[in-house]
PDB file of N, CA and C in Angstrom:
ATOM      1  N   UNK A   1       0.861  -1.144  -0.011  1.00  0.00           N
ATOM      2  CA  UNK A   1       0.011   0.063  -0.076  1.00  0.00           C
ATOM      3  C   UNK A   1       0.855   1.221   0.075  1.00  0.00           C
ATOM      4  N   UNK A   2       1.846   1.163   0.775  1.00  0.00           N
ATOM      5  CA  UNK A   2       2.847   2.312   0.673  1.00  0.00           C
ATOM      6  C   UNK A   2       3.409   2.642  -0.812  1.00  0.00           C
ATOM      7  N   UNK A   3       3.811   1.483  -1.514  1.00  0.00           N
ATOM      8  CA  UNK A   3       4.259   1.770  -2.836  1.00  0.00           C
ATOM      9  C   UNK A   3       3.214   2.230  -3.703  1.00  0.00           C
ATOM     10  N   UNK A   4       1.890   1.950  -3.573  1.00  0.00           N
ATOM     11  CA  UNK A   4       0.853   2.518  -4.293  1.00  0.00           C
ATOM     12  C   UNK A   4       0.768   3.920  -4.179  1.00  0.00           C
ATOM     13  N   UNK A   5       0.690   4.383  -2.773  1.00  0.00           N
ATOM     14  CA  UNK A   5       0.611   5.732  -2.442  1.00  0.00           C
ATOM     15  C   UNK A   5       1.803   6.544  -3.031  1.00  0.00           C
ATOM     16  N   UNK A   6       3.081   5.974  -2.707  1.00  0.00           N
ATOM     17  CA  UNK A   6       4.329   6.719  -3.100  1.00  0.00           C
ATOM     18  C   UNK A   6       4.300   6.913  -4.622  1.00  0.00           C
ATOM     19  N   UNK A   7       3.807   5.905  -5.309  1.00  0.00           N
ATOM     20  CA  UNK A   7       3.969   5.926  -6.875  1.00  0.00           C
ATOM     21  C   UNK A   7       2.689   6.605  -7.459  1.00  0.00           C
ATOM     22  N   UNK A   8       1.827   6.958  -6.596  1.00  0.00           N
ATOM     23  CA  UNK A   8       0.574   7.581  -7.128  1.00  0.00           C
ATOM     24  C   UNK A   8      -0.208   6.689  -8.041  1.00  0.00           C
ATOM     25  N   UNK A   9      -0.299   5.441  -7.679  1.00  0.00           N
ATOM     26  CA  UNK A   9      -1.056   4.589  -8.458  1.00  0.00           C
ATOM     27  C   UNK A   9      -2.404   4.343  -7.945  1.00  0.00           C
ATOM     28  N   UNK A  10      -3.287   3.762  -8.900  1.00  0.00           N
ATOM     29  CA  UNK A  10      -4.632   3.378  -8.463  1.00  0.00           C
ATOM     30  C   UNK A  10      -4.980   2.163  -9.239  1.00  0.00           C
ATOM     31  N   UNK A  11      -6.008   1.420  -8.818  1.00  0.00           N
ATOM     32  CA  UNK A  11      -6.462   0.279  -9.563  1.00  0.00           C
ATOM     33  C   UNK A  11      -6.302  -1.007  -8.629  1.00  0.00           C
ATOM     34  N   UNK A  12      -6.446  -1.996  -9.298  1.00  0.00           N
ATOM     35  CA  UNK A  12      -6.319  -3.399  -8.614  1.00  0.00           C
ATOM     36  C   UNK A  12      -4.888  -4.002  -8.626  1.00  0.00           C
ATOM     37  N   UNK A  13      -4.419  -4.370  -7.440  1.00  0.00           N
ATOM     38  CA  UNK A  13      -3.050  -4.931  -7.408  1.00  0.00           C
ATOM     39  C   UNK A  13      -3.121  -6.243  -6.660  1.00  0.00           C
ATOM     40  N   UNK A  14      -2.775  -7.242  -7.212  1.00  0.00           N
ATOM     41  CA  UNK A  14      -2.683  -8.573  -6.532  1.00  0.00           C
ATOM     42  C   UNK A  14      -1.154  -8.749  -5.950  1.00  0.00           C
ATOM     43  N   UNK A  15      -1.077  -9.030  -4.756  1.00  0.00           N
ATOM     44  CA  UNK A  15       0.096  -9.287  -4.181  1.00  0.00           C
ATOM     45  C   UNK A  15       0.213 -10.831  -3.811  1.00  0.00           C
ATOM     46  N   UNK A  16       1.082 -11.560  -4.409  1.00  0.00           N
ATOM     47  CA  UNK A  16       1.207 -12.965  -4.276  1.00  0.00           C
ATOM     48  C   UNK A  16       2.586 -13.351  -4.708  1.00  0.00           C
ATOM     49  N   UNK A  17       2.864 -14.621  -4.548  1.00  0.00           N
ATOM     50  CA  UNK A  17       4.164 -15.241  -4.958  1.00  0.00           C
ATOM     51  C   UNK A  17       4.246 -15.227  -6.483  1.00  0.00           C
ATOM     52  N   UNK A  18       5.439 -15.388  -7.016  1.00  0.00           N
ATOM     53  CA  UNK A  18       5.527 -15.333  -8.377  1.00  0.00           C
ATOM     54  C   UNK A  18       5.325 -16.684  -9.113  1.00  0.00           C
ATOM     55  N   UNK A  19       5.265 -17.753  -8.442  1.00  0.00           N
ATOM     56  CA  UNK A  19       5.158 -19.106  -9.020  1.00  0.00           C
ATOM     57  C   UNK A  19       3.701 -19.576  -9.046  1.00  0.00           C
ATOM     58  N   UNK A  20       3.302 -20.330  -9.979  1.00  0.00           N
ATOM     59  CA  UNK A  20       1.953 -20.893 -10.020  1.00  0.00           C
ATOM     60  C   UNK A  20       2.126 -22.214  -9.876  1.00  0.00           C
ATOM     61  N   UNK A  21       1.775 -22.926  -8.785  1.00  0.00           N
ATOM     62  CA  UNK A  21       1.973 -24.272  -8.440  1.00  0.00           C
ATOM     63  C   UNK A  21       0.541 -24.886  -7.852  1.00  0.00           C
ATOM     64  N   UNK A  22       0.490 -26.131  -7.996  1.00  0.00           N
ATOM     65  CA  UNK A  22      -0.689 -26.918  -7.409  1.00  0.00           C
ATOM     66  C   UNK A  22      -0.576 -26.916  -5.835  1.00  0.00           C
ATOM     67  N   UNK A  23      -1.567 -27.265  -5.305  1.00  0.00           N
ATOM     68  CA  UNK A  23      -1.693 -27.432  -3.867  1.00  0.00           C
ATOM     69  C   UNK A  23      -0.750 -28.573  -3.399  1.00  0.00           C
ATOM     70  N   UNK A  24      -0.691 -29.636  -4.223  1.00  0.00           N
ATOM     71  CA  UNK A  24       0.266 -30.724  -4.031  1.00  0.00           C
ATOM     72  C   UNK A  24       1.715 -30.329  -3.976  1.00  0.00           C
ATOM     73  N   UNK A  25       2.070 -29.490  -5.013  1.00  0.00           N
ATOM     74  CA  UNK A  25       3.380 -29.055  -5.153  1.00  0.00           C
ATOM     75  C   UNK A  25       3.722 -28.077  -3.997  1.00  0.00           C
ATOM     76  N   UNK A  26       2.719 -27.438  -3.486  1.00  0.00           N
ATOM     77  CA  UNK A  26       3.041 -26.482  -2.361  1.00  0.00           C
ATOM     78  C   UNK A  26       3.369 -27.327  -1.164  1.00  0.00           C
ATOM     79  N   UNK A  27       2.497 -28.479  -0.827  1.00  0.00           N
ATOM     80  CA  UNK A  27       2.702 -29.227   0.236  1.00  0.00           C
ATOM     81  C   UNK A  27       4.036 -29.886   0.028  1.00  0.00           C
ATOM     82  N   UNK A  28       4.516 -30.295  -1.139  1.00  0.00           N
ATOM     83  CA  UNK A  28       5.901 -30.920  -1.333  1.00  0.00           C
ATOM     84  C   UNK A  28       6.983 -29.996  -1.027  1.00  0.00           C
ATOM     85  N   UNK A  29       6.822 -28.710  -1.365  1.00  0.00           N
ATOM     86  CA  UNK A  29       7.729 -27.745  -1.145  1.00  0.00           C
ATOM     87  C   UNK A  29       8.007 -27.545   0.428  1.00  0.00           C
ATOM     88  N   UNK A  30       6.821 -27.474   1.083  1.00  0.00           N
ATOM     89  CA  UNK A  30       6.917 -27.216   2.638  1.00  0.00           C
ATOM     90  C   UNK A  30       7.547 -28.529   3.126  1.00  0.00           C
ATOM     91  N   UNK A  31       7.068 -29.600   2.827  1.00  0.00           N
ATOM     92  CA  UNK A  31       7.756 -30.957   3.389  1.00  0.00           C
ATOM     93  C   UNK A  31       9.262 -30.915   3.134  1.00  0.00           C
ATOM     94  N   UNK A  32       9.604 -30.570   1.911  1.00  0.00           N
ATOM     95  CA  UNK A  32      11.090 -30.568   1.620  1.00  0.00           C
ATOM     96  C   UNK A  32      11.855 -29.676   2.532  1.00  0.00           C
ATOM     97  N   UNK A  33      11.447 -28.488   2.637  1.00  0.00           N
ATOM     98  CA  UNK A  33      12.038 -27.397   3.505  1.00  0.00           C
ATOM     99  C   UNK A  33      12.154 -27.886   4.858  1.00  0.00           C
ATOM    100  N   UNK A  34      10.982 -28.439   5.480  1.00  0.00           N
ATOM    101  CA  UNK A  34      10.982 -28.876   6.903  1.00  0.00           C
ATOM    102  C   UNK A  34      11.703 -30.389   6.995  1.00  0.00           C
ATOM    103  N   UNK A  35      12.014 -30.917   5.928  1.00  0.00           N
ATOM    104  CA  UNK A  35      12.665 -32.322   6.177  1.00  0.00           C
ATOM    105  C   UNK A  35      11.697 -33.513   6.322  1.00  0.00           C
ATOM    106  N   UNK A  36      10.396 -33.346   5.814  1.00  0.00           N
ATOM    107  CA  UNK A  36       9.404 -34.294   5.951  1.00  0.00           C
ATOM    108  C   UNK A  36       9.683 -35.367   4.831  1.00  0.00           C
ATOM    109  N   UNK A  37       9.082 -36.625   4.999  1.00  0.00           N
ATOM    110  CA  UNK A  37       9.083 -37.631   3.954  1.00  0.00           C
ATOM    111  C   UNK A  37       7.895 -37.205   2.997  1.00  0.00           C
ATOM    112  N   UNK A  38       8.268 -36.749   1.778  1.00  0.00           N
ATOM    113  CA  UNK A  38       7.302 -36.402   0.696  1.00  0.00           C
ATOM    114  C   UNK A  38       6.660 -37.591   0.204  1.00  0.00           C
ATOM    115  N   UNK A  39       7.209 -38.696   0.334  1.00  0.00           N
ATOM    116  CA  UNK A  39       6.489 -39.891  -0.268  1.00  0.00           C
ATOM    117  C   UNK A  39       5.179 -40.151   0.463  1.00  0.00           C
ATOM    118  N   UNK A  40       5.051 -39.597   1.703  1.00  0.00           N
ATOM    119  CA  UNK A  40       3.753 -39.748   2.337  1.00  0.00           C
ATOM    120  C   UNK A  40       2.590 -38.936   1.796  1.00  0.00           C
ATOM    121  N   UNK A  41       2.865 -37.879   0.962  1.00  0.00           N
ATOM    122  CA  UNK A  41       1.988 -37.112   0.244  1.00  0.00           C
ATOM    123  C   UNK A  41       1.330 -37.805  -0.873  1.00  0.00           C
ATOM    124  N   UNK A  42      -0.028 -37.955  -0.934  1.00  0.00           N
ATOM    125  CA  UNK A  42      -0.746 -38.459  -2.051  1.00  0.00           C
ATOM    126  C   UNK A  42      -1.434 -37.445  -2.896  1.00  0.00           C
ATOM    127  N   UNK A  43      -1.089 -37.248  -4.125  1.00  0.00           N
ATOM    128  CA  UNK A  43      -1.762 -36.384  -4.990  1.00  0.00           C
ATOM    129  C   UNK A  43      -3.068 -36.873  -5.405  1.00  0.00           C
ATOM    130  N   UNK A  44      -4.182 -36.025  -5.457  1.00  0.00           N
ATOM    131  CA  UNK A  44      -5.553 -36.386  -5.898  1.00  0.00           C
ATOM    132  C   UNK A  44      -6.064 -35.243  -6.661  1.00  0.00           C
ATOM    133  N   UNK A  45      -7.041 -35.611  -7.438  1.00  0.00           N
ATOM    134  CA  UNK A  45      -7.664 -34.509  -8.258  1.00  0.00           C
ATOM    135  C   UNK A  45      -8.692 -33.863  -7.513  1.00  0.00           C
ATOM    136  N   UNK A  46      -9.145 -32.599  -7.945  1.00  0.00           N
ATOM    137  CA  UNK A  46     -10.069 -31.998  -7.278  1.00  0.00           C
ATOM    138  C   UNK A  46     -11.388 -32.624  -7.340  1.00  0.00           C
ATOM    139  N   UNK A  47     -11.813 -33.372  -8.276  1.00  0.00           N
ATOM    140  CA  UNK A  47     -13.008 -34.080  -8.342  1.00  0.00           C
ATOM    141  C   UNK A  47     -13.052 -35.173  -7.268  1.00  0.00           C
ATOM    142  N   UNK A  48     -11.957 -35.664  -6.889  1.00  0.00           N
ATOM    143  CA  UNK A  48     -11.876 -36.806  -5.908  1.00  0.00           C
ATOM    144  C   UNK A  48     -12.077 -36.247  -4.380  1.00  0.00           C
ATOM    145  N   UNK A  49     -12.049 -34.897  -4.277  1.00  0.00           N
ATOM    146  CA  UNK A  49     -12.279 -34.335  -2.896  1.00  0.00           C
ATOM    147  C   UNK A  49     -13.610 -34.421  -2.405  1.00  0.00           C
ATOM    148  N   UNK A  50     -14.545 -34.341  -3.334  1.00  0.00           N
ATOM    149  CA  UNK A  50     -16.063 -34.286  -3.167  1.00  0.00           C
ATOM    150  C   UNK A  50     -16.457 -33.205  -2.207  1.00  0.00           C
ATOM    151  N   UNK A  51     -15.976 -32.066  -2.500  1.00  0.00           N
ATOM    152  CA  UNK A  51     -16.361 -30.757  -1.872  1.00  0.00           C
ATOM    153  C   UNK A  51     -17.813 -30.359  -2.146  1.00  0.00           C
ATOM    154  N   UNK A  52     -18.538 -29.812  -1.274  1.00  0.00           N
ATOM    155  CA  UNK A  52     -19.895 -29.523  -1.593  1.00  0.00           C
ATOM    156  C   UNK A  52     -20.066 -28.356  -2.633  1.00  0.00           C
ATOM    157  N   UNK A  53     -19.054 -27.598  -2.620  1.00  0.00           N
ATOM    158  CA  UNK A  53     -19.130 -26.392  -3.603  1.00  0.00           C
ATOM    159  C   UNK A  53     -18.215 -26.550  -4.706  1.00  0.00           C
ATOM    160  N   UNK A  54     -18.640 -26.124  -5.853  1.00  0.00           N
ATOM    161  CA  UNK A  54     -17.774 -26.179  -7.067  1.00  0.00           C
ATOM    162  C   UNK A  54     -16.689 -25.158  -6.985  1.00  0.00           C
ATOM    163  N   UNK A  55     -15.486 -25.542  -7.034  1.00  0.00           N
ATOM    164  CA  UNK A  55     -14.390 -24.501  -7.001  1.00  0.00           C
ATOM    165  C   UNK A  55     -13.555 -24.449  -8.385  1.00  0.00           C
ATOM    166  N   UNK A  56     -13.091 -23.230  -8.720  1.00  0.00           N
ATOM    167  CA  UNK A  56     -12.285 -23.159  -9.903  1.00  0.00           C
ATOM    168  C   UNK A  56     -10.987 -23.990  -9.772  1.00  0.00           C
ATOM    169  N   UNK A  57     -10.432 -24.432 -10.909  1.00  0.00           N
ATOM    170  CA  UNK A  57      -9.360 -25.225 -10.951  1.00  0.00           C
ATOM    171  C   UNK A  57      -8.118 -24.427 -10.748  1.00  0.00           C
ATOM    172  N   UNK A  58      -8.052 -23.230 -11.351  1.00  0.00           N
ATOM    173  CA  UNK A  58      -6.961 -22.270 -11.316  1.00  0.00           C
ATOM    174  C   UNK A  58      -7.313 -21.022 -10.414  1.00  0.00           C
ATOM    175  N   UNK A  59      -6.633 -20.882  -9.435  1.00  0.00           N
ATOM    176  CA  UNK A  59      -6.914 -19.789  -8.414  1.00  0.00           C
ATOM    177  C   UNK A  59      -5.736 -18.870  -8.261  1.00  0.00           C
ATOM    178  N   UNK A  60      -4.877 -18.748  -9.286  1.00  0.00           N
ATOM    179  CA  UNK A  60      -3.698 -17.926  -9.132  1.00  0.00           C
ATOM    180  C   UNK A  60      -4.084 -16.608  -9.299  1.00  0.00           C
ATOM    181  N   UNK A  61      -3.251 -15.637  -8.706  1.00  0.00           N
ATOM    182  CA  UNK A  61      -3.455 -14.265  -8.941  1.00  0.00           C
ATOM    183  C   UNK A  61      -2.508 -13.603  -9.861  1.00  0.00           C
ATOM    184  N   UNK A  62      -3.022 -12.794 -10.659  1.00  0.00           N
ATOM    185  CA  UNK A  62      -2.119 -12.114 -11.662  1.00  0.00           C
ATOM    186  C   UNK A  62      -1.404 -10.838 -11.069  1.00  0.00           C
ATOM    187  N   UNK A  63      -0.178 -10.982 -10.829  1.00  0.00           N
ATOM    188  CA  UNK A  63       0.695 -10.004 -10.262  1.00  0.00           C
ATOM    189  C   UNK A  63       1.411  -9.164 -11.090  1.00  0.00           C
ATOM    190  N   UNK A  64       1.009  -9.066 -12.495  1.00  0.00           N
ATOM    191  CA  UNK A  64       1.555  -8.254 -13.460  1.00  0.00           C
ATOM    192  C   UNK A  64       1.584  -6.789 -13.051  1.00  0.00           C
ATOM    193  N   UNK A  65       0.268  -6.150 -12.763  1.00  0.00           N
ATOM    194  CA  UNK A  65       0.377  -4.720 -12.359  1.00  0.00           C
ATOM    195  C   UNK A  65       1.310  -4.402 -11.224  1.00  0.00           C
ATOM    196  N   UNK A  66       1.301  -5.331 -10.111  1.00  0.00           N
ATOM    197  CA  UNK A  66       2.219  -5.014  -9.007  1.00  0.00           C
ATOM    198  C   UNK A  66       3.620  -5.027  -9.438  1.00  0.00           C
ATOM    199  N   UNK A  67       4.037  -5.880 -10.344  1.00  0.00           N
ATOM    200  CA  UNK A  67       5.388  -6.046 -10.787  1.00  0.00           C
ATOM    201  C   UNK A  67       5.752  -4.751 -11.719  1.00  0.00           C
ATOM    202  N   UNK A  68       4.919  -4.559 -12.567  1.00  0.00           N
ATOM    203  CA  UNK A  68       5.212  -3.595 -13.636  1.00  0.00           C
ATOM    204  C   UNK A  68       5.056  -2.102 -13.008  1.00  0.00           C
ATOM    205  N   UNK A  69       4.109  -1.787 -12.292  1.00  0.00           N
ATOM    206  CA  UNK A  69       3.676  -0.541 -11.918  1.00  0.00           C
ATOM    207  C   UNK A  69       4.354  -0.234 -10.472  1.00  0.00           C
ATOM    208  N   UNK A  70       4.584  -1.143  -9.741  1.00  0.00           N
ATOM    209  CA  UNK A  70       4.908  -0.825  -8.294  1.00  0.00           C
ATOM    210  C   UNK A  70       6.387  -1.406  -7.972  1.00  0.00           C
ATOM    211  N   UNK A  71       7.019  -2.228  -9.005  1.00  0.00           N
ATOM    212  CA  UNK A  71       8.260  -2.688  -8.818  1.00  0.00           C
ATOM    213  C   UNK A  71       8.253  -3.958  -7.833  1.00  0.00           C
ATOM    214  N   UNK A  72       7.144  -4.504  -7.682  1.00  0.00           N
ATOM    215  CA  UNK A  72       6.965  -5.680  -6.697  1.00  0.00           C
ATOM    216  C   UNK A  72       7.806  -6.767  -7.317  1.00  0.00           C
ATOM    217  N   UNK A  73       8.588  -7.414  -6.443  1.00  0.00           N
ATOM    218  CA  UNK A  73       9.491  -8.609  -6.701  1.00  0.00           C
ATOM    219  C   UNK A  73       9.295  -9.652  -5.644  1.00  0.00           C
ATOM    220  N   UNK A  74       8.366 -10.624  -5.834  1.00  0.00           N
ATOM    221  CA  UNK A  74       8.065 -11.516  -4.821  1.00  0.00           C
ATOM    222  C   UNK A  74       9.208 -12.483  -4.432  1.00  0.00           C
ATOM    223  N   UNK A  75       9.276 -12.668  -3.130  1.00  0.00           N
ATOM    224  CA  UNK A  75      10.417 -13.702  -2.673  1.00  0.00           C
ATOM    225  C   UNK A  75      10.123 -15.022  -3.346  1.00  0.00           C
ATOM    226  N   UNK A  76      11.079 -15.808  -3.743  1.00  0.00           N
ATOM    227  CA  UNK A  76      10.835 -17.209  -4.216  1.00  0.00           C
ATOM    228  C   UNK A  76      10.197 -18.040  -3.172  1.00  0.00           C
ATOM    229  N   UNK A  77       9.299 -18.837  -3.552  1.00  0.00           N
ATOM    230  CA  UNK A  77       8.551 -19.699  -2.538  1.00  0.00           C
ATOM    231  C   UNK A  77       9.441 -20.432  -1.569  1.00  0.00           C
ATOM    232  N   UNK A  78      10.453 -21.156  -2.071  1.00  0.00           N
ATOM    233  CA  UNK A  78      11.219 -21.929  -1.142  1.00  0.00           C
ATOM    234  C   UNK A  78      12.026 -21.060  -0.021  1.00  0.00           C
ATOM    235  N   UNK A  79      12.378 -19.835  -0.544  1.00  0.00           N
ATOM    236  CA  UNK A  79      12.938 -18.896   0.345  1.00  0.00           C
ATOM    237  C   UNK A  79      11.992 -18.410   1.488  1.00  0.00           C
ATOM    238  N   UNK A  80      10.927 -18.158   0.977  1.00  0.00           N
ATOM    239  CA  UNK A  80       9.740 -17.713   1.989  1.00  0.00           C
ATOM    240  C   UNK A  80       9.494 -18.903   3.047  1.00  0.00           C
ATOM    241  N   UNK A  81       9.364 -20.017   2.587  1.00  0.00           N
ATOM    242  CA  UNK A  81       9.188 -21.262   3.471  1.00  0.00           C
ATOM    243  C   UNK A  81      10.326 -21.383   4.383  1.00  0.00           C
ATOM    244  N   UNK A  82      11.568 -21.258   3.936  1.00  0.00           N
ATOM    245  CA  UNK A  82      12.747 -21.343   4.788  1.00  0.00           C
ATOM    246  C   UNK A  82      12.745 -20.191   5.803  1.00  0.00           C
ATOM    247  N   UNK A  83      12.395 -18.895   5.524  1.00  0.00           N
ATOM    248  CA  UNK A  83      12.222 -17.856   6.448  1.00  0.00           C
ATOM    249  C   UNK A  83      11.349 -18.118   7.447  1.00  0.00           C
ATOM    250  N   UNK A  84      10.122 -18.646   7.124  1.00  0.00           N
ATOM    251  CA  UNK A  84       9.117 -19.009   8.109  1.00  0.00           C
ATOM    252  C   UNK A  84       9.606 -20.005   9.017  1.00  0.00           C
ATOM    253  N   UNK A  85      10.357 -21.076   8.432  1.00  0.00           N
ATOM    254  CA  UNK A  85      10.943 -22.248   9.331  1.00  0.00           C
ATOM    255  C   UNK A  85      11.838 -21.678  10.320  1.00  0.00           C
ATOM    256  N   UNK A  86      12.862 -20.806   9.865  1.00  0.00           N
ATOM    257  CA  UNK A  86      13.878 -20.193  10.707  1.00  0.00           C
ATOM    258  C   UNK A  86      13.115 -19.349  11.906  1.00  0.00           C
ATOM    259  N   UNK A  87      12.155 -18.570  11.558  1.00  0.00           N
ATOM    260  CA  UNK A  87      11.515 -17.828  12.498  1.00  0.00           C
ATOM    261  C   UNK A  87      10.734 -18.656  13.497  1.00  0.00           C
ATOM    262  N   UNK A  88      10.153 -19.662  13.094  1.00  0.00           N
ATOM    263  CA  UNK A  88       9.262 -20.472  13.886  1.00  0.00           C
ATOM    264  C   UNK A  88      10.239 -21.259  14.855  1.00  0.00           C
ATOM    265  N   UNK A  89      11.289 -21.683  14.478  1.00  0.00           N
ATOM    266  CA  UNK A  89      12.248 -22.464  15.265  1.00  0.00           C
ATOM    267  C   UNK A  89      12.932 -21.630  16.292  1.00  0.00           C
ATOM    268  N   UNK A  90      12.954 -20.351  16.138  1.00  0.00           N
ATOM    269  CA  UNK A  90      13.474 -19.502  17.222  1.00  0.00           C
ATOM    270  C   UNK A  90      12.625 -19.234  18.480  1.00  0.00           C
ATOM    271  N   UNK A  91      11.325 -19.547  18.269  1.00  0.00           N
ATOM    272  CA  UNK A  91      10.413 -19.177  19.346  1.00  0.00           C
ATOM    273  C   UNK A  91      10.317 -20.489  20.259  1.00  0.00           C
TER     274      UNK A  91
END
């Protein structure tokens, strides 16, 4: 929000990571960084979840405006997970 105000921009800005990955891949990345056995993770399709509400298959946010107009540069996912791990282990 500070960047939006400082750069006198307006409009819709999505702030998210720069990678588009599946929930399964996200879980694998977390498990890898934390040293868990990724072979215990079982991939499944959305239709196999039997959720009561229909959900879109792709829910990625478009960060193009934030990158081009605000100079937003997301931290790589694995780096972010590592930062969280380090902060959590200190407490």
